[in-house]
């Protein structure tokens, strides 16, 4: 049977690169098309334009910083907590729109989502939950020698 430390030796770096890469990519795509992100944020009908506008620039920068911070050992633990919080907020926003019957574009990967990802809030929530499990695993073990 494979020991947890042997498993972690290859799994932790792979998960770290995957999670960091996803957030860096997502942030870059959103920064490339702020108008689409602004519309996606408003479509959820959770915040108005006065908060959606600054969020259009804050969110992608936040994703980029958190994704890069995963590669810096001293920042990793905190970055994992912030990423986990972000994923929880994303899942709640998707769930909120779904429960209220609002048909939204996920907005997860900017305008790349348009026409590619069908409206499937359960799949979006499950994807975010999988990333949350990854972040939780990495956070838990980042505290251990």
Protein backbone atom coordinates (compact mmCIF):
# COMPACT_ATOMS: atom_id res chain seq x y z
CA UNK A 1 0.00 0.00 0.00
CA UNK A 2 1.29 3.42 -0.93
CA UNK A 3 2.08 5.68 2.03
CA UNK A 4 0.53 9.13 2.34
CA UNK A 5 3.96 10.79 2.17
CA UNK A 6 4.84 8.95 -1.05
CA UNK A 7 1.47 9.93 -2.51
CA UNK A 8 1.94 13.55 -1.50
CA UNK A 9 5.40 13.70 -3.06
CA UNK A 10 3.94 13.63 -6.58
CA UNK A 11 0.32 14.60 -5.95
CA UNK A 12 0.86 17.90 -4.11
CA UNK A 13 2.96 19.56 -6.84
CA UNK A 14 0.53 18.36 -9.53
CA UNK A 15 -2.51 19.70 -7.65
CA UNK A 16 -0.67 22.97 -6.87
CA UNK A 17 0.19 23.52 -10.53
CA UNK A 18 -3.32 22.59 -11.68
CA UNK A 19 -5.06 24.86 -9.19
CA UNK A 20 -2.60 27.73 -9.65
CA UNK A 21 -2.78 27.38 -13.42
CA UNK A 22 -6.57 27.42 -13.43
CA UNK A 23 -6.70 30.64 -11.42
CA UNK A 24 -3.93 32.38 -13.37
CA UNK A 25 -5.59 31.41 -16.66
CA UNK A 26 -9.03 32.47 -15.45
CA UNK A 27 -7.71 35.82 -14.25
CA UNK A 28 -5.88 36.49 -17.51
CA UNK A 29 -8.91 35.62 -19.65
CA UNK A 30 -11.14 37.90 -17.57
CA UNK A 31 -8.67 40.78 -17.72
CA UNK A 32 -8.61 40.45 -21.51
CA UNK A 33 -12.36 41.11 -21.76
CA UNK A 34 -13.60 43.24 -18.84
CA UNK A 35 -16.84 44.14 -20.64
CA UNK A 36 -17.89 40.49 -20.80
CA UNK A 37 -16.99 39.99 -17.14
CA UNK A 38 -19.00 43.09 -16.15
CA UNK A 39 -22.06 41.70 -17.97
CA UNK A 40 -21.55 38.25 -16.44
CA UNK A 41 -21.36 39.72 -12.92
CA UNK A 42 -24.52 41.77 -13.46
CA UNK A 43 -26.37 38.74 -14.88
CA UNK A 44 -26.27 37.07 -11.46
CA UNK A 45 -28.37 39.94 -10.05
CA UNK A 46 -26.56 39.86 -6.72
CA UNK A 47 -24.82 43.24 -6.91
CA UNK A 48 -25.53 46.38 -8.89
CA UNK A 49 -23.34 48.17 -11.43
CA UNK A 50 -21.71 50.37 -8.78
CA UNK A 51 -20.12 47.27 -7.20
CA UNK A 52 -19.87 45.18 -10.37
CA UNK A 53 -17.60 47.72 -12.07
CA UNK A 54 -14.77 47.59 -9.50
CA UNK A 55 -15.30 43.83 -9.16
CA UNK A 56 -14.60 43.57 -12.91
CA UNK A 57 -11.00 44.56 -12.23
CA UNK A 58 -10.55 43.26 -8.68
CA UNK A 59 -11.68 39.67 -9.31
CA UNK A 60 -9.26 38.82 -12.14
CA UNK A 61 -6.36 40.46 -10.29
CA UNK A 62 -7.31 38.54 -7.15
CA UNK A 63 -7.39 35.27 -9.11
CA UNK A 64 -3.99 36.00 -10.66
CA UNK A 65 -2.38 36.90 -7.34
CA UNK A 66 -3.79 33.82 -5.61
CA UNK A 67 -2.74 31.55 -8.48
CA UNK A 68 0.83 32.88 -8.48
CA UNK A 69 0.99 32.85 -4.66
CA UNK A 70 0.46 29.08 -4.73
CA UNK A 71 3.94 28.78 -6.24
CA UNK A 72 5.55 30.75 -3.40
CA UNK A 73 5.96 28.49 -0.35
CA UNK A 74 5.63 31.28 2.24
CA UNK A 75 2.36 32.49 0.66
CA UNK A 76 0.89 29.09 -0.21
CA UNK A 77 -1.08 28.47 2.99
CA UNK A 78 -2.79 31.88 2.87
CA UNK A 79 -3.41 31.64 -0.88
CA UNK A 80 -5.18 28.32 -0.38
CA UNK A 81 -7.48 29.88 2.21
CA UNK A 82 -8.30 32.80 -0.10
CA UNK A 83 -8.88 30.47 -3.05
CA UNK A 84 -11.19 28.33 -0.90
CA UNK A 85 -13.17 31.40 0.11
CA UNK A 86 -13.39 32.51 -3.51
CA UNK A 87 -14.64 29.08 -4.60
CA UNK A 88 -17.30 29.09 -1.88
CA UNK A 89 -18.50 32.52 -3.04
CA UNK A 90 -18.57 31.31 -6.66
CA UNK A 91 -20.60 28.23 -5.71
CA UNK A 92 -23.06 30.33 -3.69
CA UNK A 93 -23.49 32.78 -6.58
CA UNK A 94 -24.15 29.96 -9.05
CA UNK A 95 -26.56 28.28 -6.63
CA UNK A 96 -28.34 31.58 -6.01
CA UNK A 97 -28.88 32.21 -9.72
CA UNK A 98 -29.97 28.61 -10.28
CA UNK A 99 -32.51 28.66 -7.44
CA UNK A 100 -33.92 31.98 -8.68
CA UNK A 101 -34.24 30.62 -12.22
CA UNK A 102 -31.73 33.06 -13.71
CA UNK A 103 -30.05 31.73 -16.84
CA UNK A 104 -26.46 32.98 -16.62
CA UNK A 105 -23.21 32.38 -18.39
CA UNK A 106 -20.86 30.99 -15.78
CA UNK A 107 -18.28 33.71 -16.42
CA UNK A 108 -15.65 31.39 -15.02
CA UNK A 109 -13.32 31.70 -17.98
CA UNK A 110 -14.54 34.95 -19.49
CA UNK A 111 -15.93 35.01 -22.99
CA UNK A 112 -14.24 31.65 -23.69
CA UNK A 113 -17.29 30.11 -21.97
CA UNK A 114 -19.72 31.60 -24.49
CA UNK A 115 -21.04 28.95 -26.81
CA UNK A 116 -18.75 26.28 -25.36
CA UNK A 117 -20.21 25.54 -21.95
CA UNK A 118 -23.92 24.92 -21.91
CA UNK A 119 -26.04 26.18 -19.04
CA UNK A 120 -25.29 23.55 -16.42
CA UNK A 121 -25.10 25.08 -12.94
CA UNK A 122 -24.79 21.69 -11.26
CA UNK A 123 -21.69 20.91 -13.33
CA UNK A 124 -20.24 24.34 -12.47
CA UNK A 125 -20.87 23.78 -8.76
CA UNK A 126 -19.35 20.29 -8.92
CA UNK A 127 -16.28 21.65 -10.75
CA UNK A 128 -15.82 24.33 -8.09
CA UNK A 129 -16.38 21.74 -5.35
CA UNK A 130 -13.64 19.57 -6.87
CA UNK A 131 -11.28 22.55 -6.83
CA UNK A 132 -12.32 23.25 -3.23
CA UNK A 133 -11.40 19.66 -2.29
CA UNK A 134 -8.02 20.15 -4.00
CA UNK A 135 -7.45 23.40 -2.11
CA UNK A 136 -8.53 21.78 1.16
CA UNK A 137 -6.15 18.86 0.66
CA UNK A 138 -3.26 21.20 -0.13
CA UNK A 139 -4.10 23.54 2.75
CA UNK A 140 -4.31 20.68 5.26
CA UNK A 141 -1.00 19.20 4.19
CA UNK A 142 0.76 22.56 3.73
CA UNK A 143 0.74 22.88 7.53
CA UNK A 144 2.49 19.55 7.97
CA UNK A 145 6.21 18.80 7.50
